[in-house]
Protein backbone atom coordinates (compact mmCIF):
# COMPACT_ATOMS: atom_id res chain seq x y z
CA MET A 1 121.72 54.99 -19.84
CA GLN A 2 120.06 52.59 -17.39
CA ARG A 3 119.46 49.16 -18.40
CA ALA A 4 116.19 47.34 -17.58
CA GLU A 5 118.11 44.57 -16.24
CA ASP A 6 119.36 47.18 -13.64
CA ASN A 7 116.12 47.25 -11.87
CA MET A 8 114.91 43.31 -11.95
CA ASP A 9 115.47 41.17 -8.84
CA ILE A 10 118.01 38.18 -8.95
CA ASN A 11 115.19 35.86 -10.02
CA GLU A 12 113.98 38.28 -13.01
CA LEU A 13 117.55 38.40 -14.20
CA ILE A 14 117.78 34.47 -14.10
CA VAL A 15 114.69 34.26 -16.22
CA LYS A 16 115.57 36.72 -18.60
CA GLY A 17 119.17 35.32 -18.97
CA VAL A 18 117.67 31.74 -19.64
CA SER A 19 115.14 33.29 -22.04
CA TYR A 20 118.20 34.89 -24.06
CA TYR A 21 120.09 31.57 -23.86
CA THR A 22 117.37 29.62 -25.57
CA GLN A 23 117.41 32.34 -28.16
CA ARG A 24 121.05 32.28 -28.69
CA ASN A 25 121.76 35.68 -27.89
CA TYR A 26 124.62 34.73 -25.60
CA ASP A 27 126.20 38.19 -25.01
CA GLU A 28 122.81 39.20 -23.29
CA ALA A 29 122.69 36.32 -21.43
CA ILE A 30 126.01 36.64 -19.91
CA GLU A 31 125.50 40.03 -19.04
CA CYS A 32 122.41 38.98 -16.91
CA PHE A 33 124.18 36.18 -15.20
CA ASN A 34 126.77 38.31 -14.55
CA GLN A 35 124.57 40.79 -12.82
CA ALA A 36 122.91 38.24 -10.93
CA ILE A 37 126.28 36.90 -9.65
CA SER A 38 127.24 40.20 -8.44
CA ARG A 39 124.02 40.21 -6.71
CA ASP A 40 124.57 37.22 -5.09
CA ILE A 41 128.03 35.26 -5.57
CA ASN A 42 126.47 31.89 -4.74
CA CYS A 43 123.68 31.76 -7.51
CA VAL A 44 124.23 28.23 -8.98
CA GLN A 45 122.09 28.95 -11.90
CA ALA A 46 123.99 31.36 -13.18
CA TYR A 47 127.32 30.01 -13.04
CA HIS A 48 125.51 26.50 -14.70
CA TYR A 49 124.35 28.83 -17.92
CA ARG A 50 127.55 30.55 -18.07
CA CYS A 51 129.22 27.57 -18.14
CA LEU A 52 126.80 26.11 -21.06
CA ILE A 53 127.73 29.81 -22.87
CA HIS A 54 131.20 29.87 -22.81
CA ARG A 55 131.39 26.21 -23.89
CA ARG A 56 129.60 27.21 -27.33
CA GLN A 57 131.45 30.20 -27.24
CA GLN A 58 134.40 28.09 -27.14
CA ASN A 59 136.06 29.67 -23.85
CA LYS A 60 137.35 26.42 -22.47
CA GLN A 61 138.59 27.69 -19.55
CA GLU A 62 135.84 29.58 -18.45
CA ALA A 63 133.34 26.78 -19.10
CA LEU A 64 135.24 24.39 -16.68
CA GLU A 65 135.70 27.24 -14.01
CA ASN A 66 131.84 28.02 -13.97
CA LEU A 67 130.91 24.45 -14.01
CA GLN A 68 133.31 23.62 -10.97
CA GLN A 69 131.61 26.60 -9.04
CA ALA A 70 128.42 25.34 -10.02
CA ALA A 71 128.79 21.96 -8.83
CA ARG A 72 130.39 23.10 -5.22
CA LEU A 73 127.44 25.58 -4.71
CA LEU A 74 125.04 23.21 -5.44
CA ASN A 75 126.38 20.02 -3.46
CA ASP A 76 124.11 17.77 -5.20
CA LYS A 77 125.62 14.31 -5.64
CA GLU A 78 124.14 13.49 -8.87
CA TYR A 79 124.64 16.82 -10.27
CA THR A 80 128.53 16.65 -9.52
CA THR A 81 128.51 13.08 -11.50
CA ILE A 82 127.26 14.62 -14.36
CA SER A 83 129.22 17.66 -14.32
CA ASN A 84 132.30 15.53 -13.63
CA ASN A 85 131.50 13.76 -16.85
CA LEU A 86 130.91 16.76 -18.81
CA GLN A 87 134.56 18.61 -17.65
CA ILE A 88 136.26 15.32 -18.79
CA PHE A 89 134.06 15.54 -22.33
CA ILE A 90 135.09 19.26 -22.45
CA GLY A 91 138.92 18.46 -21.63
CA GLN A 92 139.08 15.53 -24.38
CA TYR A 93 137.20 17.12 -26.95
CA CYS A 94 135.96 20.42 -26.73
CA PHE A 95 137.32 22.93 -29.18
CA LYS A 96 139.42 20.87 -31.05
CA LYS A 97 138.79 20.56 -35.09
CA THR A 98 139.46 16.92 -36.53
CA GLU A 99 142.95 16.51 -37.30
CA ASN A 100 143.53 15.55 -40.74
CA ILE A 101 146.12 12.77 -41.38
CA LYS A 102 147.09 14.33 -44.39
CA SER A 103 149.92 16.65 -45.28
CA ASP A 104 149.26 20.28 -46.54
CA ASN A 105 149.75 19.31 -50.13
CA SER A 106 148.27 15.79 -49.66
CA GLU A 107 144.53 17.14 -50.74
CA GLN A 108 145.63 17.94 -53.77
CA ASN A 109 146.93 14.03 -54.37
CA MET A 110 143.35 12.85 -53.54
CA SER A 111 140.66 12.47 -56.23
CA SER A 112 137.35 14.53 -55.40
CA TRP A 113 135.40 11.45 -54.20
CA GLU A 114 138.45 10.95 -51.35
CA ARG A 115 138.29 14.53 -50.45
CA ASP A 116 134.43 14.48 -49.90
CA LEU A 117 134.72 11.26 -47.77
CA VAL A 118 137.36 12.78 -45.48
CA ARG A 119 135.20 16.12 -45.28
CA ASP A 120 132.35 13.94 -44.16
CA ALA A 121 134.21 11.78 -41.63
CA GLU A 122 135.13 15.27 -40.13
CA ASN A 123 131.55 16.52 -40.17
CA CYS A 124 130.17 13.31 -38.63
CA ALA A 125 133.00 13.26 -35.73
CA GLU A 126 131.96 17.04 -34.82
CA ALA A 127 128.26 16.06 -35.19
CA TYR A 128 128.87 13.00 -32.77
CA ILE A 129 130.70 15.28 -29.95
CA GLU A 130 128.24 18.08 -30.35
CA GLU A 131 125.39 15.83 -29.84
CA LYS A 132 127.15 14.09 -26.60
CA PHE A 133 127.77 17.48 -25.19
CA TYR A 134 123.94 18.38 -25.82
CA GLU A 135 122.73 15.35 -24.02
CA LEU A 136 125.03 15.87 -20.91
CA GLU A 137 124.09 19.64 -20.66
CA ARG A 138 120.29 18.37 -21.02
CA TRP A 139 120.83 16.13 -17.88
CA LEU A 140 122.75 18.67 -16.03
CA SER A 141 119.99 21.16 -16.52
CA LYS A 142 117.43 18.63 -15.91
CA ARG A 143 119.23 17.66 -12.44
CA LEU A 144 119.69 21.43 -11.49
CA GLU A 145 116.17 21.81 -11.93
CA HIS A 146 115.06 18.94 -9.85
CA SER A 147 117.75 19.88 -7.16
CA GLN A 148 116.48 23.32 -6.83
CA ILE A 149 112.95 22.10 -6.40
CA LEU A 150 114.45 19.87 -3.60
CA GLN A 151 116.04 22.69 -1.85
CA LYS A 152 113.10 24.86 -2.03
CA LYS A 153 110.85 22.13 -0.51
CA ARG A 154 113.61 21.59 2.05
CA ILE A 155 113.36 25.71 2.62
CA ASN A 156 109.90 25.16 3.15
CA ASN A 157 109.57 21.84 5.30
CA ALA A 158 112.31 23.51 7.64
CA LYS A 159 109.78 26.68 8.42
CA PHE A 160 108.58 26.93 12.15
CA GLU A 161 106.86 29.34 14.17
CA PRO A 162 109.42 30.04 17.09
CA GLU A 163 106.90 32.48 19.01
CA ARG A 164 104.39 29.41 19.21
CA LEU A 165 106.92 27.07 20.56
CA GLN A 166 108.32 29.78 22.56
CA SER A 167 104.96 30.47 24.21
CA ASN A 168 104.50 26.50 25.17
CA ASN A 169 107.88 26.39 26.61
CA LEU A 170 108.59 23.80 23.91
CA PRO A 171 112.33 23.28 22.43
CA LEU A 172 113.29 24.38 19.15
CA CYS A 173 114.20 21.38 17.16
CA ASN A 174 113.37 21.67 13.61
CA SER A 175 115.97 19.82 11.64
CA HIS A 176 117.16 15.93 11.79
CA GLU A 177 120.70 17.57 13.75
CA ASP A 178 118.78 19.38 16.16
CA ILE A 179 116.38 16.47 17.24
CA ALA A 180 119.05 13.66 16.86
CA GLN A 181 121.16 16.04 19.52
CA ALA A 182 118.49 16.72 21.67
CA MET A 183 117.80 13.20 22.09
CA GLY A 184 121.02 11.98 22.31
CA VAL A 185 121.29 9.91 19.50
CA SER A 186 122.83 10.13 15.91
CA VAL A 187 121.31 11.41 12.67
CA LYS A 188 121.58 7.94 11.53
CA GLY A 189 120.05 6.38 14.39
CA LEU A 190 117.09 8.98 14.50
CA ARG A 191 116.71 8.01 10.66
CA PHE A 192 116.63 4.43 11.13
CA LEU A 193 114.02 5.23 14.00
CA ALA A 194 111.62 6.95 11.81
CA PHE A 195 112.24 5.65 8.60
CA SER A 196 113.10 2.34 8.53
CA ARG A 197 110.63 -0.10 7.02
CA LYS A 198 112.80 -3.31 7.06
CA LYS A 199 112.60 -3.82 11.00
CA SER A 200 109.54 -3.60 13.21
CA HIS A 201 110.27 -1.18 16.39
CA TYR A 202 107.93 -2.80 18.67
CA ILE A 203 107.43 -5.80 20.45
CA ARG A 204 103.97 -7.00 20.23
CA PHE A 205 101.61 -8.97 22.61
CA GLN A 206 98.58 -9.51 23.84
CA ILE A 207 96.78 -9.12 27.58
CA PRO A 208 93.22 -10.19 28.70
CA LYS A 209 90.75 -7.65 28.92
CA LYS A 210 88.09 -7.65 32.09
CA THR A 211 85.00 -7.90 29.76
CA GLY A 212 86.57 -10.55 27.77
CA GLY A 213 88.76 -10.86 24.42
CA ASN A 214 92.20 -9.62 24.09
CA ARG A 215 93.91 -5.90 24.07
CA LYS A 216 96.79 -5.69 21.49
CA ILE A 217 99.81 -4.08 22.99
CA SER A 218 102.92 -2.83 21.25
CA ALA A 219 105.86 -2.49 23.44
CA PRO A 220 108.57 -0.05 21.83
CA THR A 221 112.05 -1.41 22.10
CA HIS A 222 114.76 0.33 24.25
CA LEU A 223 115.90 2.82 21.55
CA LEU A 224 112.80 4.04 20.34
CA LYS A 225 111.08 3.93 24.06
CA LYS A 226 113.95 6.30 24.87
CA SER A 227 113.21 8.92 22.16
CA GLN A 228 109.53 8.76 22.68
CA LYS A 229 110.18 9.51 26.47
CA TRP A 230 112.29 12.65 25.16
CA ILE A 231 108.97 13.39 23.18
CA LEU A 232 106.82 13.17 26.27
CA GLU A 233 108.77 14.82 28.73
CA ASN A 234 110.09 17.85 26.68
CA ILE A 235 107.11 18.55 24.57
CA LEU A 236 103.83 16.85 25.12
CA GLU A 237 103.72 17.00 28.97
CA ASN A 238 104.30 21.22 28.27
CA ILE A 239 100.89 21.26 26.60
CA GLN A 240 97.98 22.43 28.48
CA LEU A 241 95.01 20.36 28.75
CA HIS A 242 91.42 20.77 29.35
CA GLU A 243 89.82 20.26 32.79
CA ALA A 244 87.82 17.35 31.91
CA ALA A 245 90.43 15.14 30.95
CA HIS A 246 91.84 12.79 33.69
CA GLY A 247 93.42 10.32 32.41
CA PHE A 248 97.41 9.68 32.07
CA ARG A 249 97.93 13.29 33.75
CA LEU A 250 99.59 14.65 37.06
CA LYS A 251 97.56 14.88 39.92
CA HIS A 252 94.70 13.24 37.93
CA SER A 253 93.40 9.68 38.33
CA ILE A 254 90.39 7.45 38.03
CA VAL A 255 89.73 8.74 41.45
CA THR A 256 89.61 12.52 40.67
CA ASN A 257 87.50 11.26 37.50
CA ALA A 258 85.10 9.82 39.47
CA GLU A 259 84.84 12.40 42.14
CA HIS A 260 82.67 14.77 39.68
CA HIS A 261 79.76 12.02 39.84
CA VAL A 262 79.19 11.29 43.41
CA GLY A 263 75.61 11.15 44.50
CA LYS A 264 73.91 11.93 40.93
CA GLU A 265 70.63 10.30 40.04
CA VAL A 266 72.13 9.23 36.62
CA ILE A 267 75.38 8.27 35.25
CA ILE A 268 75.85 7.94 31.64
CA ASN A 269 78.81 5.85 30.52
CA ILE A 270 80.00 5.99 26.48
CA ASP A 271 83.04 4.35 25.46
CA LEU A 272 84.99 5.22 22.33
CA LYS A 273 85.57 2.56 19.96
CA ASP A 274 89.23 1.52 18.68
CA PHE A 275 90.55 4.77 20.47
CA PHE A 276 94.39 4.39 19.68
CA PRO A 277 94.14 2.31 16.55
CA SER A 278 91.59 5.13 15.51
CA ILE A 279 94.50 7.88 15.59
CA SER A 280 96.16 7.91 11.98
CA TYR A 281 99.81 9.25 11.36
CA ARG A 282 98.04 12.15 9.52
CA ARG A 283 96.32 13.27 12.81
CA VAL A 284 99.64 13.01 15.00
CA LYS A 285 101.71 14.58 12.55
CA GLY A 286 99.56 17.22 12.39
CA LEU A 287 99.09 17.76 15.91
CA PHE A 288 103.25 18.46 16.28
CA LYS A 289 102.54 21.04 13.25
CA SER A 290 100.16 22.82 15.43
CA PHE A 291 102.36 23.30 17.83
CA GLY A 292 104.61 25.34 15.43
CA TYR A 293 106.90 22.75 14.35
CA SER A 294 108.51 22.45 10.76
CA GLU A 295 107.43 20.06 8.17
CA THR A 296 110.34 18.03 9.00
CA ALA A 297 110.37 18.02 12.68
CA SER A 298 106.50 17.32 12.64
CA THR A 299 106.93 14.39 10.33
CA ILE A 300 109.99 12.77 12.44
CA PHE A 301 107.91 13.09 15.49
CA GLY A 302 104.72 11.86 14.11
CA LEU A 303 106.64 8.72 12.78
CA ILE A 304 108.35 7.93 15.87
CA CYS A 305 105.11 8.18 17.74
CA THR A 306 103.01 5.89 15.62
CA GLU A 307 103.59 2.01 14.55
CA PRO A 308 103.05 0.51 11.02
CA LYS A 309 99.75 -1.37 10.70
CA ILE A 310 100.13 -5.07 10.51
CA LYS A 311 97.98 -6.86 7.76
CA GLU A 312 97.37 -10.50 7.39
CA VAL A 313 97.95 -11.33 3.72
CA GLU A 314 97.86 -14.87 2.04
CA VAL A 315 101.18 -15.47 0.35
CA ASN A 316 101.67 -18.94 -1.60
CA GLY A 317 98.48 -20.68 0.06
CA LYS A 318 99.35 -19.27 3.99
CA ILE A 319 98.83 -16.39 5.80
CA GLU A 320 101.80 -13.83 6.76
CA PHE A 321 101.84 -10.45 8.58
CA LEU A 322 102.51 -7.81 6.42
CA LEU A 323 104.19 -4.63 7.85
CA SER A 324 102.23 -1.93 6.12
CA TRP A 325 104.64 1.11 4.48
CA THR A 326 101.32 3.13 3.84
CA GLU A 327 99.03 3.05 6.87
CA ARG A 328 100.45 4.06 10.28
CA TYR A 329 98.62 4.63 13.79
CA LEU A 330 98.73 5.15 17.51
CA PRO A 331 100.11 2.06 19.06
CA GLN A 332 98.87 1.30 22.47
CA GLY A 333 101.97 0.64 24.70
CA ALA A 334 104.09 3.57 23.99
CA PRO A 335 104.71 6.14 26.26
CA THR A 336 103.64 9.22 24.21
CA SER A 337 100.36 7.53 23.30
CA PRO A 338 98.18 8.70 26.22
CA ALA A 339 99.51 12.10 26.18
CA ILE A 340 98.91 12.30 22.35
CA THR A 341 95.14 11.37 22.79
CA ASN A 342 94.89 13.74 25.49
CA ILE A 343 96.05 16.51 23.38
CA LEU A 344 94.00 15.45 20.36
CA CYS A 345 91.00 15.31 22.04
CA SER A 346 91.10 18.55 23.83
CA ARG A 347 88.65 20.08 21.45
CA LEU A 348 86.29 17.04 21.84
CA ASP A 349 86.53 17.55 25.45
CA ARG A 350 85.82 21.56 25.15
CA ARG A 351 82.82 21.00 22.81
CA LEU A 352 81.41 17.92 24.95
CA HIS A 353 81.95 19.96 28.20
CA SER A 354 80.07 23.18 26.89
CA MET A 355 77.17 20.86 25.69
CA ALA A 356 76.91 18.77 28.94
CA LYS A 357 76.88 22.15 31.00
CA GLN A 358 74.43 23.79 28.48
CA TYR A 359 72.10 20.67 29.72
CA GLY A 360 72.89 20.89 33.24
CA PHE A 361 75.23 17.86 33.14
CA ASP A 362 78.87 17.30 34.66
CA TYR A 363 81.26 15.82 32.09
CA THR A 364 84.53 13.78 32.28
CA ARG A 365 86.55 11.63 30.22
CA TYR A 366 89.30 9.13 31.23
CA ALA A 367 91.44 7.85 28.01
CA ASP A 368 88.62 6.49 26.24
CA ASP A 369 85.39 6.28 28.79
CA LEU A 370 83.16 9.48 28.48
CA THR A 371 81.17 10.07 31.61
CA PHE A 372 77.97 12.51 31.92
CA SER A 373 76.01 12.86 35.23
CA ALA A 374 73.05 14.91 36.37
CA SER A 375 70.15 14.97 38.89
CA GLY A 376 67.07 17.12 39.04
CA GLU A 377 65.25 18.81 36.01
CA SER A 378 68.13 17.89 33.89
CA LEU A 379 67.57 14.37 33.28
CA ASP A 380 65.06 15.70 30.67
CA ASN A 381 67.71 16.24 28.75
CA ILE A 382 69.38 12.81 28.33
CA CYS A 383 68.30 12.44 24.49
CA ASN A 384 70.01 15.61 23.88
CA ILE A 385 72.94 14.41 25.78
CA PHE A 386 73.08 11.07 23.32
CA GLN A 387 72.14 13.04 20.01
CA ASN A 388 75.01 16.03 20.52
CA THR A 389 77.44 13.43 21.96
CA ARG A 390 77.18 11.38 18.97
CA PHE A 391 77.46 14.28 16.37
CA ILE A 392 80.17 15.90 18.39
CA VAL A 393 82.36 12.45 18.41
CA GLU A 394 81.82 11.72 14.58
CA GLN A 395 82.96 15.21 13.92
CA GLU A 396 85.94 14.52 15.92
CA ASP A 397 86.79 11.58 13.94
CA PHE A 398 85.94 9.11 16.53
CA GLU A 399 83.52 6.65 16.90
CA ILE A 400 81.30 5.46 19.92
CA ASN A 401 81.27 1.84 21.14
CA GLU A 402 77.44 1.06 21.00
CA GLN A 403 78.02 -2.27 22.92
CA LYS A 404 79.65 -0.49 26.06
CA THR A 405 77.00 2.48 26.30
CA ARG A 406 75.14 2.62 29.56
CA VAL A 407 72.89 4.39 31.58
CA ILE A 408 72.97 3.74 35.33
CA ARG A 409 70.15 5.20 37.86
CA LYS A 410 70.85 5.58 41.39
CA PHE A 411 68.68 2.86 42.57
CA ARG A 412 71.42 0.35 40.81
CA GLN A 413 75.23 0.33 41.88
CA GLN A 414 76.62 3.41 39.81
CA GLU A 415 80.44 2.90 38.65
CA VAL A 416 82.93 5.33 36.84
CA THR A 417 85.91 3.92 35.98
CA GLY A 418 85.41 1.01 38.33
CA ILE A 419 84.70 2.96 41.28
CA VAL A 420 81.29 2.96 42.90
CA VAL A 421 79.95 6.42 42.97
CA ASN A 422 76.18 6.09 44.69
CA GLU A 423 76.90 8.05 47.81
CA LYS A 424 80.65 8.60 48.18
CA LEU A 425 83.72 6.90 46.51
CA ASN A 426 84.01 3.26 47.14
CA ILE A 427 84.98 -0.34 45.79
CA SER A 428 82.24 -2.65 45.00
CA ARG A 429 81.51 -4.76 48.42
CA GLU A 430 81.24 -8.13 46.41
CA LYS A 431 84.73 -7.36 44.83
CA LEU A 432 86.14 -6.69 48.04
CA LYS A 433 84.67 -9.95 49.62
CA ASN A 434 86.04 -12.02 46.89
CA PHE A 435 89.35 -10.68 46.52
CA ARG A 436 89.91 -11.37 50.28
CA ALA A 437 88.72 -14.86 50.09
CA VAL A 438 91.23 -15.21 47.09
CA LEU A 439 94.56 -13.60 49.13
CA TYR A 440 93.30 -15.97 51.75
CA GLN A 441 93.26 -19.44 49.93
CA ILE A 442 96.45 -18.27 48.08
CA GLU A 443 98.18 -17.40 51.30
CA LYS A 444 97.36 -20.62 52.85
CA ASP A 445 97.29 -23.22 49.75
CA GLY A 446 99.90 -21.32 47.47
CA LEU A 447 99.13 -19.75 44.00
CA GLU A 448 98.28 -23.03 42.09
CA GLY A 449 94.64 -23.21 41.16
CA HIS A 450 93.97 -19.64 41.88
CA ASN A 451 93.18 -16.78 39.69
CA TRP A 452 92.11 -13.09 39.75
CA GLY A 453 90.77 -11.42 36.53
CA GLN A 454 91.84 -12.42 33.22
CA SER A 455 95.83 -12.27 33.43
CA GLU A 456 97.86 -15.42 33.96
CA ASP A 457 99.94 -13.79 36.13
CA ILE A 458 98.19 -13.97 39.41
CA ILE A 459 100.86 -12.02 41.23
CA ALA A 460 100.39 -8.84 38.68
CA SER A 461 96.75 -9.28 38.98
CA ILE A 462 96.35 -8.95 42.73
CA GLU A 463 99.08 -6.33 43.15
CA GLY A 464 97.07 -4.47 40.77
CA PHE A 465 93.75 -4.64 42.23
CA ALA A 466 95.47 -3.69 45.68
CA ASN A 467 96.85 -0.57 43.88
CA PHE A 468 93.69 0.26 42.42
CA VAL A 469 91.78 -0.45 46.21
CA SER A 470 94.80 1.85 47.68
CA MET A 471 93.88 4.71 45.50
CA VAL A 472 90.09 4.82 46.72
CA ASN A 473 90.94 3.74 50.39
CA PRO A 474 94.48 4.01 51.14
CA GLU A 475 93.74 2.00 54.52
CA LYS A 476 92.11 -1.22 52.71
CA GLY A 477 94.56 -1.00 50.55
CA ALA A 478 97.49 -1.21 53.02
CA LYS A 479 96.14 -4.16 54.33
CA PHE A 480 96.28 -6.00 51.18
CA LYS A 481 99.41 -4.80 49.96
CA GLU A 482 100.83 -5.99 53.54
CA GLN A 483 99.39 -9.59 52.81
CA ILE A 484 100.66 -10.04 49.07
CA ASP A 485 103.86 -8.95 50.84
CA ARG A 486 103.69 -11.92 52.94
CA ILE A 487 102.39 -14.31 50.00
CA LYS A 488 105.53 -13.02 47.64
CA GLU A 489 107.85 -13.46 50.81
CA LYS A 490 106.55 -17.12 51.32
CA TYR A 491 106.34 -18.74 48.04
CA GLY A 492 109.29 -16.63 46.45
CA CYS A 493 107.14 -15.39 43.20
CA LYS A 494 108.38 -13.43 40.40
CA LYS A 495 106.55 -11.32 37.78
CA LYS A 496 106.04 -13.26 34.99
CA ALA A 497 107.49 -11.52 31.64
CA ALA A 498 104.95 -10.83 28.59
CA VAL A 499 105.62 -13.15 25.70
CA PRO A 500 104.78 -11.82 22.27
CA ASN A 501 102.33 -13.24 20.49
CA VAL A 502 103.56 -12.39 16.90
CA SER A 503 106.01 -15.27 16.41
CA GLN A 504 105.93 -15.23 12.60
CA PRO A 505 108.24 -12.84 10.95
CA LEU A 506 106.95 -9.44 9.64
CA LEU A 507 107.08 -8.80 5.81
CA GLY A 508 108.29 -5.08 4.38
CA ARG A 509 107.77 -3.75 1.16
CA SER A 510 111.25 -5.07 0.09
CA ASP A 511 110.27 -8.64 1.08
CA ILE A 512 107.01 -8.36 -1.32
CA VAL A 513 109.05 -6.81 -4.13
CA ALA A 514 111.80 -9.81 -3.75
CA GLN A 515 109.17 -12.42 -3.66
CA ILE A 516 107.73 -10.63 -6.92
CA ASN A 517 110.92 -10.74 -8.62
CA THR A 518 111.56 -14.59 -7.45
CA LYS A 519 108.31 -15.73 -9.07
CA LEU A 520 108.94 -13.40 -12.47
CA LYS A 521 112.06 -15.48 -13.07
CA GLU A 522 110.01 -18.75 -12.54
CA VAL A 523 107.61 -17.96 -14.88
CA GLY A 524 110.49 -16.61 -17.22
CA CYS A 525 109.60 -12.95 -17.16
CA SER A 526 112.57 -10.58 -18.59
CA SER A 527 112.65 -6.97 -17.01
CA GLY A 528 111.84 -5.76 -20.34
CA TYR A 529 108.36 -7.73 -20.60
CA THR A 530 107.75 -6.83 -16.89
CA GLN A 531 107.87 -3.01 -17.59
CA ILE A 532 105.59 -3.50 -20.41
CA TYR A 533 103.08 -5.52 -18.09
CA LEU A 534 103.59 -2.88 -15.44
CA THR A 535 102.76 0.13 -17.88
CA LYS A 536 100.05 -1.50 -19.57
CA ILE A 537 97.90 -2.56 -16.30
CA TYR A 538 99.27 0.03 -13.70
CA LYS A 539 100.55 2.94 -15.83
CA LYS A 540 103.74 2.62 -14.03
CA ARG A 541 107.27 1.53 -15.49
CA SER A 542 108.61 -0.31 -12.41
CA LEU A 543 107.61 -2.42 -9.02
CA LYS A 544 109.16 0.61 -6.80
CA GLN A 545 106.60 3.06 -8.15
CA LEU A 546 103.83 0.89 -7.08
CA THR A 547 101.22 1.14 -4.40
CA GLU A 548 100.99 -1.59 -1.38
CA THR A 549 97.66 -2.63 -3.02
CA GLU A 550 98.90 -3.37 -6.38
CA LEU A 551 102.36 -5.08 -5.24
CA LEU A 552 100.24 -7.28 -3.15
CA GLU A 553 97.66 -7.69 -6.54
CA VAL A 554 100.93 -8.59 -8.66
CA LEU A 555 102.13 -11.25 -6.27
CA ARG A 556 98.65 -12.54 -5.87
CA ASP A 557 98.50 -13.21 -9.77
CA LEU A 558 101.57 -14.62 -9.76
CA THR A 559 101.02 -17.28 -7.03
CA SER A 560 97.25 -18.10 -7.64
CA SER A 561 96.78 -20.60 -10.78
CA GLN A 562 93.99 -21.61 -12.40
CA ALA A 563 93.09 -23.98 -15.46
CA GLY A 564 93.80 -22.17 -18.79
CA ASP A 565 92.13 -22.71 -22.08
CA SER A 566 94.31 -25.10 -23.14
CA GLY A 567 93.57 -27.26 -19.92
CA ARG A 568 96.97 -26.56 -18.33
CA THR A 569 97.17 -24.77 -15.04
CA GLU A 570 98.77 -21.38 -15.17
CA THR A 571 98.81 -18.54 -12.81
CA ASN A 572 96.65 -15.12 -13.29
CA PHE A 573 99.85 -13.31 -14.23
CA VAL A 574 100.39 -15.42 -17.07
CA LYS A 575 96.40 -15.31 -18.24
CA ARG A 576 96.80 -11.30 -18.07
CA TRP A 577 99.91 -11.14 -19.89
CA ARG A 578 98.72 -13.38 -22.18
CA ALA A 579 95.53 -11.43 -22.73
CA LEU A 580 97.40 -8.28 -23.14
CA ILE A 581 99.61 -9.67 -26.32
CA TYR A 582 96.53 -10.60 -28.37
CA SER A 583 94.28 -7.79 -27.02
């Protein structure tokens, strides 16, 4: 006769077996677990529960064999540790009746109260041993459940879409090992680059902006830059971009961007505010996920391509730089950042291009510079261009920089990404005149006392402008470069290295926790009292569970002092602790 268990799948068999086990129907439970193993010889749960049943049925050898097999298959460090302790306990105490120290006829020589005392001692010993077995088995079962949840999560995180990856000619790297091998680093090195919170992998400095102020640059260290270049060359450069994007891509430049707007009656320039910092880790990770990569790979790529935000916090009355462990964004200075912005802006470009075409305008984008242009009757739609652009930009999680929005008509000098476009592509006459004068003075008198642009490195500045001129007018640019070469040869000029502007050390999570523990010792707060305090205030038992904001609040409470009711100066932490005690 066919049993109901014969038609169950392996998961149903395990659930049924566990149900029998909890009801202490051990024979039925063993039958379910045996069937599960017959279908899958690597079924960890079946071996685990067979061990527990055999232990209760006093089958010592079978219990040990099943426990060892479960530990081997699960390959979980904590489960193995607990199972080793249980094996030792089984070997020492399992199935041994407490031996009486009396002889066979010694009980006859005992009084009734002496016999009761011996029997009570035996019962107490057996109860204690059984309690220890129960405790170890409970820990083991909890660890098994937790480990299997983690394994399911790892399996889900490893799922990827090979067809989508292959359609874009992207490498099939979806695990730590695959990515590390492809990048030419060790798995340990990959994890250090992606997950390390104790060290910043960027050198930060500032360069002057043409419009005033400073631009913050984060240059990756050598090993991180190598990994970012691999992502750029093997993944990002294989993704097709919208035709309106002209920045940081092959066969496109500020020249191709400006060409679309030559001879137009009206030019509209719109700038996106905080372009790179506005792109969060979540968006970058989601981008790689959209390519078809697994959760694991997308997380690694997202972490490698973003940097932690640096916050200024007050600690012990002075400003410290905190390396955030919760907020990350796209760094300006990483080789991957421009390509990521271009891909993330593909939908923005598509929508703005379609909208502009609808109203008779041309649209292009160079990095964070949006340009619209039109002539004739289309100019009646300028208001529609502004309204729709604002709506689309905000929907795409960007923000318009109002201070840099300009409408330039044909009777004024029209510039697109620094190039004059009124009648043809050209460089401003005034700029060229000033540049010639600067080069003449430098060649005649030397570098001292002269400057060009906002940079302190005069050679880098004049070389940069000469290259810019070459892109628009190669003949003029070549003459400028020849003159700069003569200057460099005459004065032996060397390019200055950029100097990082963040001289103070960066604090991480571990540094904040260490400072809190030091302050707790100073105020005489034990670990037990700290646990009570954290539970009452934050509903958490340890500092490790606190968020970034909560940790900083605890540190501020420990370092901020005020006069108490008694007139003595005390920290906010002590005041809150006293309020908890008397509440």
